[in-house]
Amino acid sequence: MKRIHFQYIGLAMFSIFIIGNIISRIFFPNSFVNEMTEDYFPTEINGKIYDFMPIKGGSLYVMLHTQHNDDGIDIRNSSVVKKIEKGMYLKKLPNTNQCYVIKDDSIMYFNCFDRSFLTKEDSIKIGQVKEWNSAITNHWVLKK
């Protein structure tokens, strides 16, 4: 009798999980896409990096001293996260996916958000966003 009781509990929990997932997809189908198009890409931020925190999956949350206050940005580009250090100057250009960091007399251009993180469906929904030419990204060059 107890075995049947646990089976029903397991089935009920699984059903609640599935129903919750379906409801969240119905009521919030584009929450990630909306965050990217309405908040992340339009943002302009620049300042000196004073700390950073690695995020699971190859991302890096960078904390900056800006002109007005302390702020931060999530860099989702695994090609550059190991190259970013405290004390560098970082800038994200507004209404683009373009970032760069400056260290001494060198500059590195990179796309803030590597689109390979996106599903094909989300990439289509986000649409075209201005990015750097791939020939100049993810490596240090002498600043002009």
N, C-alpha and C. Protein backbone atom coordinates (compact mmCIF):
# COMPACT_ATOMS: atom_id res chain seq x y z
N MET A 1 0.81 -1.19 0.00
CA MET A 1 0.00 0.00 0.00
C MET A 1 0.86 1.26 0.00
N LYS A 2 1.95 1.29 0.78
CA LYS A 2 2.82 2.45 0.85
C LYS A 2 3.50 2.70 -0.48
N ARG A 3 3.85 1.64 -1.21
CA ARG A 3 4.52 1.77 -2.49
C ARG A 3 3.62 2.52 -3.48
N ILE A 4 2.37 2.23 -3.53
CA ILE A 4 1.43 2.91 -4.43
C ILE A 4 1.33 4.39 -4.05
N HIS A 5 1.31 4.66 -2.77
CA HIS A 5 1.22 6.03 -2.28
C HIS A 5 2.40 6.87 -2.79
N PHE A 6 3.63 6.37 -2.73
CA PHE A 6 4.80 7.09 -3.22
C PHE A 6 4.77 7.26 -4.74
N GLN A 7 4.21 6.30 -5.45
CA GLN A 7 4.07 6.42 -6.90
C GLN A 7 3.14 7.58 -7.24
N TYR A 8 2.06 7.72 -6.52
CA TYR A 8 1.14 8.82 -6.76
C TYR A 8 1.78 10.17 -6.45
N ILE A 9 2.55 10.22 -5.39
CA ILE A 9 3.24 11.47 -5.04
C ILE A 9 4.24 11.84 -6.14
N GLY A 10 5.01 10.87 -6.60
CA GLY A 10 5.97 11.11 -7.68
C GLY A 10 5.27 11.56 -8.95
N LEU A 11 4.17 10.93 -9.30
CA LEU A 11 3.41 11.30 -10.48
C LEU A 11 2.82 12.70 -10.34
N ALA A 12 2.34 13.03 -9.16
CA ALA A 12 1.79 14.37 -8.92
C ALA A 12 2.87 15.44 -9.04
N MET A 13 4.04 15.19 -8.48
CA MET A 13 5.14 16.16 -8.56
C MET A 13 5.58 16.35 -10.01
N PHE A 14 5.69 15.28 -10.75
CA PHE A 14 6.07 15.36 -12.16
C PHE A 14 5.02 16.15 -12.94
N SER A 15 3.75 15.89 -12.67
CA SER A 15 2.67 16.61 -13.35
C SER A 15 2.71 18.10 -13.05
N ILE A 16 2.96 18.47 -11.79
CA ILE A 16 3.05 19.88 -11.41
C ILE A 16 4.21 20.55 -12.15
N PHE A 17 5.35 19.85 -12.25
CA PHE A 17 6.51 20.39 -12.97
C PHE A 17 6.17 20.64 -14.43
N ILE A 18 5.55 19.68 -15.09
CA ILE A 18 5.19 19.82 -16.51
C ILE A 18 4.19 20.95 -16.71
N ILE A 19 3.17 21.01 -15.88
CA ILE A 19 2.15 22.07 -15.99
C ILE A 19 2.79 23.44 -15.74
N GLY A 20 3.66 23.55 -14.74
CA GLY A 20 4.36 24.81 -14.46
C GLY A 20 5.21 25.25 -15.64
N ASN A 21 5.90 24.31 -16.26
CA ASN A 21 6.73 24.62 -17.43
C ASN A 21 5.87 25.13 -18.58
N ILE A 22 4.75 24.48 -18.83
CA ILE A 22 3.85 24.89 -19.91
C ILE A 22 3.29 26.29 -19.63
N ILE A 23 2.87 26.53 -18.39
CA ILE A 23 2.32 27.84 -18.03
C ILE A 23 3.37 28.93 -18.19
N SER A 24 4.61 28.67 -17.75
CA SER A 24 5.65 29.70 -17.88
C SER A 24 5.94 30.00 -19.35
N ARG A 25 5.90 28.99 -20.21
CA ARG A 25 6.13 29.23 -21.64
C ARG A 25 4.98 30.00 -22.29
N ILE A 26 3.77 29.82 -21.77
CA ILE A 26 2.62 30.54 -22.31
C ILE A 26 2.65 32.00 -21.88
N PHE A 27 2.89 32.25 -20.59
CA PHE A 27 2.83 33.62 -20.07
C PHE A 27 4.12 34.41 -20.25
N PHE A 28 5.26 33.74 -20.37
CA PHE A 28 6.55 34.42 -20.53
C PHE A 28 7.36 33.80 -21.67
N PRO A 29 6.81 33.77 -22.89
CA PRO A 29 7.49 33.06 -23.98
C PRO A 29 8.77 33.73 -24.46
N ASN A 30 8.87 35.03 -24.32
CA ASN A 30 10.02 35.74 -24.87
C ASN A 30 10.77 36.55 -23.82
N SER A 31 10.76 36.11 -22.56
CA SER A 31 11.38 36.92 -21.52
C SER A 31 12.88 37.11 -21.77
N PHE A 32 13.58 36.08 -22.20
CA PHE A 32 15.01 36.21 -22.49
C PHE A 32 15.23 37.12 -23.69
N VAL A 33 14.47 36.92 -24.74
CA VAL A 33 14.59 37.75 -25.94
C VAL A 33 14.28 39.20 -25.61
N ASN A 34 13.25 39.44 -24.81
CA ASN A 34 12.90 40.81 -24.41
C ASN A 34 14.01 41.45 -23.60
N GLU A 35 14.62 40.68 -22.68
CA GLU A 35 15.72 41.23 -21.89
C GLU A 35 16.87 41.65 -22.80
N MET A 36 17.18 40.83 -23.78
CA MET A 36 18.30 41.13 -24.67
C MET A 36 18.00 42.36 -25.54
N THR A 37 16.82 42.42 -26.13
CA THR A 37 16.51 43.49 -27.06
C THR A 37 16.14 44.80 -26.38
N GLU A 38 15.56 44.74 -25.18
CA GLU A 38 15.11 45.95 -24.51
C GLU A 38 16.06 46.46 -23.43
N ASP A 39 16.96 45.59 -22.95
CA ASP A 39 17.84 46.00 -21.85
C ASP A 39 19.31 45.84 -22.21
N TYR A 40 19.72 44.63 -22.61
CA TYR A 40 21.15 44.34 -22.78
C TYR A 40 21.77 45.09 -23.96
N PHE A 41 21.24 44.90 -25.16
CA PHE A 41 21.85 45.54 -26.33
C PHE A 41 21.76 47.07 -26.30
N PRO A 42 20.66 47.68 -25.86
CA PRO A 42 20.61 49.15 -25.82
C PRO A 42 21.57 49.79 -24.80
N THR A 43 22.00 49.03 -23.82
CA THR A 43 22.82 49.58 -22.74
C THR A 43 24.17 50.09 -23.23
N GLU A 44 24.56 51.25 -22.68
CA GLU A 44 25.93 51.75 -22.85
C GLU A 44 26.55 51.76 -21.47
N ILE A 45 27.75 51.22 -21.37
CA ILE A 45 28.44 51.20 -20.09
C ILE A 45 29.93 51.31 -20.37
N ASN A 46 30.62 52.05 -19.50
CA ASN A 46 32.07 52.12 -19.61
C ASN A 46 32.66 52.47 -18.27
N GLY A 47 33.86 51.97 -18.04
CA GLY A 47 34.55 52.26 -16.80
C GLY A 47 35.68 51.31 -16.55
N LYS A 48 36.32 51.50 -15.41
CA LYS A 48 37.45 50.69 -15.02
C LYS A 48 36.96 49.44 -14.28
N ILE A 49 37.47 48.29 -14.68
CA ILE A 49 37.07 47.02 -14.06
C ILE A 49 37.71 46.92 -12.68
N TYR A 50 36.87 46.77 -11.65
CA TYR A 50 37.42 46.61 -10.31
C TYR A 50 37.23 45.19 -9.77
N ASP A 51 36.36 44.41 -10.39
CA ASP A 51 36.17 43.02 -9.98
C ASP A 51 35.38 42.30 -11.06
N PHE A 52 35.41 40.98 -11.00
CA PHE A 52 34.60 40.18 -11.91
C PHE A 52 34.31 38.84 -11.25
N MET A 53 33.28 38.20 -11.76
CA MET A 53 32.84 36.94 -11.20
C MET A 53 32.52 35.97 -12.35
N PRO A 54 33.26 34.86 -12.44
CA PRO A 54 32.94 33.87 -13.47
C PRO A 54 31.55 33.28 -13.24
N ILE A 55 30.86 33.02 -14.34
CA ILE A 55 29.52 32.44 -14.28
C ILE A 55 29.57 31.13 -15.04
N LYS A 56 28.92 30.13 -14.51
CA LYS A 56 28.89 28.81 -15.13
C LYS A 56 28.48 28.92 -16.60
N GLY A 57 29.19 28.23 -17.46
CA GLY A 57 28.86 28.24 -18.88
C GLY A 57 29.77 29.13 -19.71
N GLY A 58 30.80 29.70 -19.11
CA GLY A 58 31.75 30.50 -19.87
C GLY A 58 31.47 31.98 -19.91
N SER A 59 30.62 32.48 -19.02
CA SER A 59 30.32 33.91 -18.95
C SER A 59 31.11 34.56 -17.83
N LEU A 60 31.09 35.87 -17.82
CA LEU A 60 31.81 36.63 -16.80
C LEU A 60 30.98 37.86 -16.47
N TYR A 61 30.68 38.06 -15.19
CA TYR A 61 30.02 39.28 -14.76
C TYR A 61 31.11 40.26 -14.35
N VAL A 62 31.20 41.40 -15.05
CA VAL A 62 32.26 42.38 -14.84
C VAL A 62 31.68 43.57 -14.08
N MET A 63 32.35 43.96 -12.98
CA MET A 63 31.94 45.11 -12.18
C MET A 63 32.86 46.28 -12.48
N LEU A 64 32.24 47.45 -12.74
CA LEU A 64 32.99 48.62 -13.19
C LEU A 64 32.76 49.82 -12.29
N HIS A 65 33.80 50.65 -12.17
CA HIS A 65 33.65 51.99 -11.61
C HIS A 65 33.35 52.88 -12.81
N THR A 66 32.12 53.40 -12.89
CA THR A 66 31.76 54.30 -13.99
C THR A 66 31.84 55.74 -13.49
N GLN A 67 31.51 56.69 -14.36
CA GLN A 67 31.56 58.10 -13.97
C GLN A 67 30.62 58.42 -12.83
N HIS A 68 29.45 57.79 -12.84
CA HIS A 68 28.41 58.16 -11.88
C HIS A 68 28.29 57.20 -10.69
N ASN A 69 28.55 55.94 -10.90
CA ASN A 69 28.40 54.96 -9.82
C ASN A 69 29.09 53.65 -10.23
N ASP A 70 28.95 52.64 -9.41
CA ASP A 70 29.44 51.32 -9.77
C ASP A 70 28.33 50.59 -10.51
N ASP A 71 28.70 49.84 -11.53
CA ASP A 71 27.73 49.13 -12.36
C ASP A 71 28.38 47.85 -12.83
N GLY A 72 27.64 47.04 -13.54
CA GLY A 72 28.19 45.78 -14.04
C GLY A 72 27.51 45.33 -15.31
N ILE A 73 28.16 44.40 -15.99
CA ILE A 73 27.63 43.84 -17.23
C ILE A 73 28.07 42.39 -17.34
N ASP A 74 27.22 41.58 -17.92
CA ASP A 74 27.49 40.17 -18.16
C ASP A 74 28.14 40.03 -19.54
N ILE A 75 29.35 39.48 -19.58
CA ILE A 75 30.04 39.22 -20.84
C ILE A 75 29.88 37.73 -21.14
N ARG A 76 29.18 37.42 -22.20
CA ARG A 76 28.94 36.02 -22.57
C ARG A 76 29.72 35.70 -23.84
N ASN A 77 31.02 35.74 -23.71
CA ASN A 77 31.91 35.43 -24.82
C ASN A 77 33.10 34.69 -24.24
N SER A 78 33.07 33.36 -24.33
CA SER A 78 34.09 32.54 -23.69
C SER A 78 35.48 32.74 -24.29
N SER A 79 35.57 33.33 -25.48
CA SER A 79 36.86 33.58 -26.10
C SER A 79 37.65 34.67 -25.40
N VAL A 80 36.99 35.54 -24.66
CA VAL A 80 37.69 36.67 -24.05
C VAL A 80 37.66 36.69 -22.53
N VAL A 81 36.84 35.86 -21.90
CA VAL A 81 36.70 35.98 -20.45
C VAL A 81 38.01 35.76 -19.70
N LYS A 82 38.89 34.92 -20.19
CA LYS A 82 40.17 34.67 -19.52
C LYS A 82 41.19 35.78 -19.80
N LYS A 83 40.90 36.66 -20.75
CA LYS A 83 41.81 37.75 -21.11
C LYS A 83 41.48 39.04 -20.36
N ILE A 84 40.33 39.09 -19.71
CA ILE A 84 39.90 40.29 -19.00
C ILE A 84 40.48 40.28 -17.58
N GLU A 85 41.04 41.44 -17.19
CA GLU A 85 41.68 41.55 -15.88
C GLU A 85 41.20 42.80 -15.15
N LYS A 86 41.38 42.79 -13.84
CA LYS A 86 41.07 43.98 -13.03
C LYS A 86 41.97 45.12 -13.47
N GLY A 87 41.44 46.33 -13.43
CA GLY A 87 42.21 47.52 -13.80
C GLY A 87 42.08 47.92 -15.25
N MET A 88 41.55 47.05 -16.11
CA MET A 88 41.34 47.38 -17.52
C MET A 88 40.15 48.31 -17.66
N TYR A 89 40.13 49.05 -18.75
CA TYR A 89 38.99 49.91 -19.08
C TYR A 89 38.11 49.12 -20.04
N LEU A 90 36.80 49.02 -19.76
CA LEU A 90 35.86 48.31 -20.62
C LEU A 90 34.78 49.27 -21.09
N LYS A 91 34.38 49.12 -22.34
CA LYS A 91 33.27 49.91 -22.87
C LYS A 91 32.38 49.01 -23.71
N LYS A 92 31.05 49.15 -23.49
CA LYS A 92 30.04 48.52 -24.35
C LYS A 92 29.34 49.64 -25.06
N LEU A 93 29.34 49.58 -26.39
CA LEU A 93 28.72 50.62 -27.20
C LEU A 93 27.20 50.46 -27.18
N PRO A 94 26.45 51.58 -27.15
CA PRO A 94 24.98 51.49 -27.06
C PRO A 94 24.35 50.94 -28.33
N ASN A 95 23.26 50.21 -28.16
CA ASN A 95 22.46 49.67 -29.26
C ASN A 95 23.27 48.76 -30.19
N THR A 96 24.26 48.08 -29.62
CA THR A 96 25.08 47.14 -30.39
C THR A 96 25.43 45.96 -29.50
N ASN A 97 26.19 45.05 -30.08
CA ASN A 97 26.77 43.93 -29.35
C ASN A 97 28.29 44.13 -29.28
N GLN A 98 28.74 45.37 -29.39
CA GLN A 98 30.15 45.68 -29.47
C GLN A 98 30.72 46.13 -28.12
N CYS A 99 31.80 45.45 -27.72
CA CYS A 99 32.54 45.80 -26.51
C CYS A 99 34.01 45.90 -26.87
N TYR A 100 34.76 46.60 -26.01
CA TYR A 100 36.21 46.54 -26.11
C TYR A 100 36.81 46.80 -24.74
N VAL A 101 38.04 46.30 -24.56
CA VAL A 101 38.80 46.56 -23.35
C VAL A 101 40.13 47.17 -23.75
N ILE A 102 40.62 48.05 -22.89
CA ILE A 102 41.91 48.71 -23.11
C ILE A 102 42.83 48.35 -21.95
N LYS A 103 44.04 47.94 -22.30
CA LYS A 103 45.08 47.64 -21.31
C LYS A 103 46.36 48.29 -21.80
N ASP A 104 46.82 49.28 -21.07
CA ASP A 104 48.03 50.03 -21.44
C ASP A 104 47.88 50.61 -22.85
N ASP A 105 48.74 50.19 -23.80
CA ASP A 105 48.69 50.72 -25.16
C ASP A 105 47.98 49.78 -26.13
N SER A 106 47.25 48.78 -25.60
CA SER A 106 46.58 47.79 -26.45
C SER A 106 45.07 47.83 -26.24
N ILE A 107 44.37 47.37 -27.28
CA ILE A 107 42.91 47.32 -27.24
C ILE A 107 42.46 45.98 -27.81
N MET A 108 41.39 45.43 -27.25
CA MET A 108 40.82 44.20 -27.77
C MET A 108 39.33 44.42 -28.00
N TYR A 109 38.91 44.25 -29.25
CA TYR A 109 37.50 44.35 -29.62
C TYR A 109 36.88 42.96 -29.52
N PHE A 110 35.65 42.92 -29.04
CA PHE A 110 34.95 41.64 -29.00
C PHE A 110 33.45 41.88 -28.95
N ASN A 111 32.71 40.88 -29.36
CA ASN A 111 31.26 40.94 -29.25
C ASN A 111 30.90 40.51 -27.83
N CYS A 112 30.15 41.37 -27.14
CA CYS A 112 29.84 41.16 -25.73
C CYS A 112 29.12 39.84 -25.50
N PHE A 113 28.24 39.50 -26.41
CA PHE A 113 27.40 38.32 -26.27
C PHE A 113 27.65 37.43 -27.47
N ASP A 114 28.26 36.28 -27.24
CA ASP A 114 28.53 35.32 -28.32
C ASP A 114 27.20 34.67 -28.70
N ARG A 115 26.79 34.87 -29.93
CA ARG A 115 25.47 34.40 -30.36
C ARG A 115 25.36 32.88 -30.39
N SER A 116 26.47 32.18 -30.24
CA SER A 116 26.39 30.71 -30.20
C SER A 116 25.69 30.24 -28.91
N PHE A 117 25.57 31.14 -27.91
CA PHE A 117 24.82 30.83 -26.70
C PHE A 117 23.31 30.75 -26.98
N LEU A 118 22.87 31.35 -28.07
CA LEU A 118 21.44 31.45 -28.37
C LEU A 118 20.93 30.23 -29.12
N THR A 119 19.67 29.92 -28.89
CA THR A 119 19.02 28.93 -29.73
C THR A 119 18.74 29.60 -31.07
N LYS A 120 18.54 28.80 -32.08
CA LYS A 120 18.26 29.35 -33.42
C LYS A 120 16.99 30.20 -33.38
N GLU A 121 16.00 29.74 -32.64
CA GLU A 121 14.72 30.46 -32.55
C GLU A 121 14.92 31.84 -31.89
N ASP A 122 15.68 31.87 -30.77
CA ASP A 122 15.93 33.15 -30.09
C ASP A 122 16.77 34.08 -30.96
N SER A 123 17.73 33.54 -31.69
CA SER A 123 18.56 34.36 -32.57
C SER A 123 17.71 35.03 -33.64
N ILE A 124 16.76 34.31 -34.18
CA ILE A 124 15.86 34.87 -35.19
C ILE A 124 14.99 35.96 -34.58
N LYS A 125 14.47 35.72 -33.37
CA LYS A 125 13.62 36.71 -32.70
C LYS A 125 14.39 37.98 -32.37
N ILE A 126 15.64 37.84 -31.94
CA ILE A 126 16.46 39.02 -31.62
C ILE A 126 16.80 39.80 -32.87
N GLY A 127 17.07 39.10 -33.95
CA GLY A 127 17.35 39.76 -35.22
C GLY A 127 18.78 40.27 -35.32
N GLN A 128 18.99 41.14 -36.27
CA GLN A 128 20.31 41.68 -36.55
C GLN A 128 20.71 42.72 -35.50
N VAL A 129 21.90 42.56 -34.95
CA VAL A 129 22.47 43.51 -33.99
C VAL A 129 23.89 43.79 -34.47
N LYS A 130 24.27 45.06 -34.45
CA LYS A 130 25.59 45.45 -34.95
C LYS A 130 26.69 44.78 -34.13
N GLU A 131 27.63 44.12 -34.84
CA GLU A 131 28.75 43.44 -34.21
C GLU A 131 30.05 43.86 -34.89
N TRP A 132 31.18 43.53 -34.25
CA TRP A 132 32.48 43.81 -34.85
C TRP A 132 32.75 42.86 -36.01
N ASN A 133 33.58 43.30 -36.94
CA ASN A 133 34.08 42.43 -38.00
C ASN A 133 34.93 41.34 -37.34
N SER A 134 34.70 40.09 -37.67
CA SER A 134 35.38 38.97 -37.00
C SER A 134 36.90 39.01 -37.17
N ALA A 135 37.40 39.71 -38.18
CA ALA A 135 38.85 39.78 -38.40
C ALA A 135 39.57 40.57 -37.31
N ILE A 136 38.86 41.43 -36.60
CA ILE A 136 39.52 42.27 -35.58
C ILE A 136 39.16 41.88 -34.15
N THR A 137 38.40 40.81 -33.98
CA THR A 137 37.91 40.49 -32.63
C THR A 137 38.77 39.47 -31.89
N ASN A 138 38.66 39.54 -30.57
CA ASN A 138 39.18 38.55 -29.63
C ASN A 138 40.70 38.44 -29.56
N HIS A 139 41.41 39.47 -30.02
CA HIS A 139 42.87 39.49 -29.87
C HIS A 139 43.33 40.92 -29.66
N TRP A 140 44.48 41.05 -29.01
CA TRP A 140 45.01 42.36 -28.69
C TRP A 140 45.67 42.99 -29.91
N VAL A 141 45.41 44.29 -30.11
CA VAL A 141 46.08 45.08 -31.15
C VAL A 141 46.58 46.37 -30.51
N LEU A 142 47.55 46.98 -31.16
CA LEU A 142 48.08 48.25 -30.66
C LEU A 142 47.04 49.33 -30.84
N LYS A 143 46.78 50.07 -29.76
CA LYS A 143 45.80 51.16 -29.79
C LYS A 143 46.37 52.31 -30.60
N LYS A 144 45.55 52.87 -31.46
CA LYS A 144 46.00 53.98 -32.33
C LYS A 144 45.86 55.30 -31.64
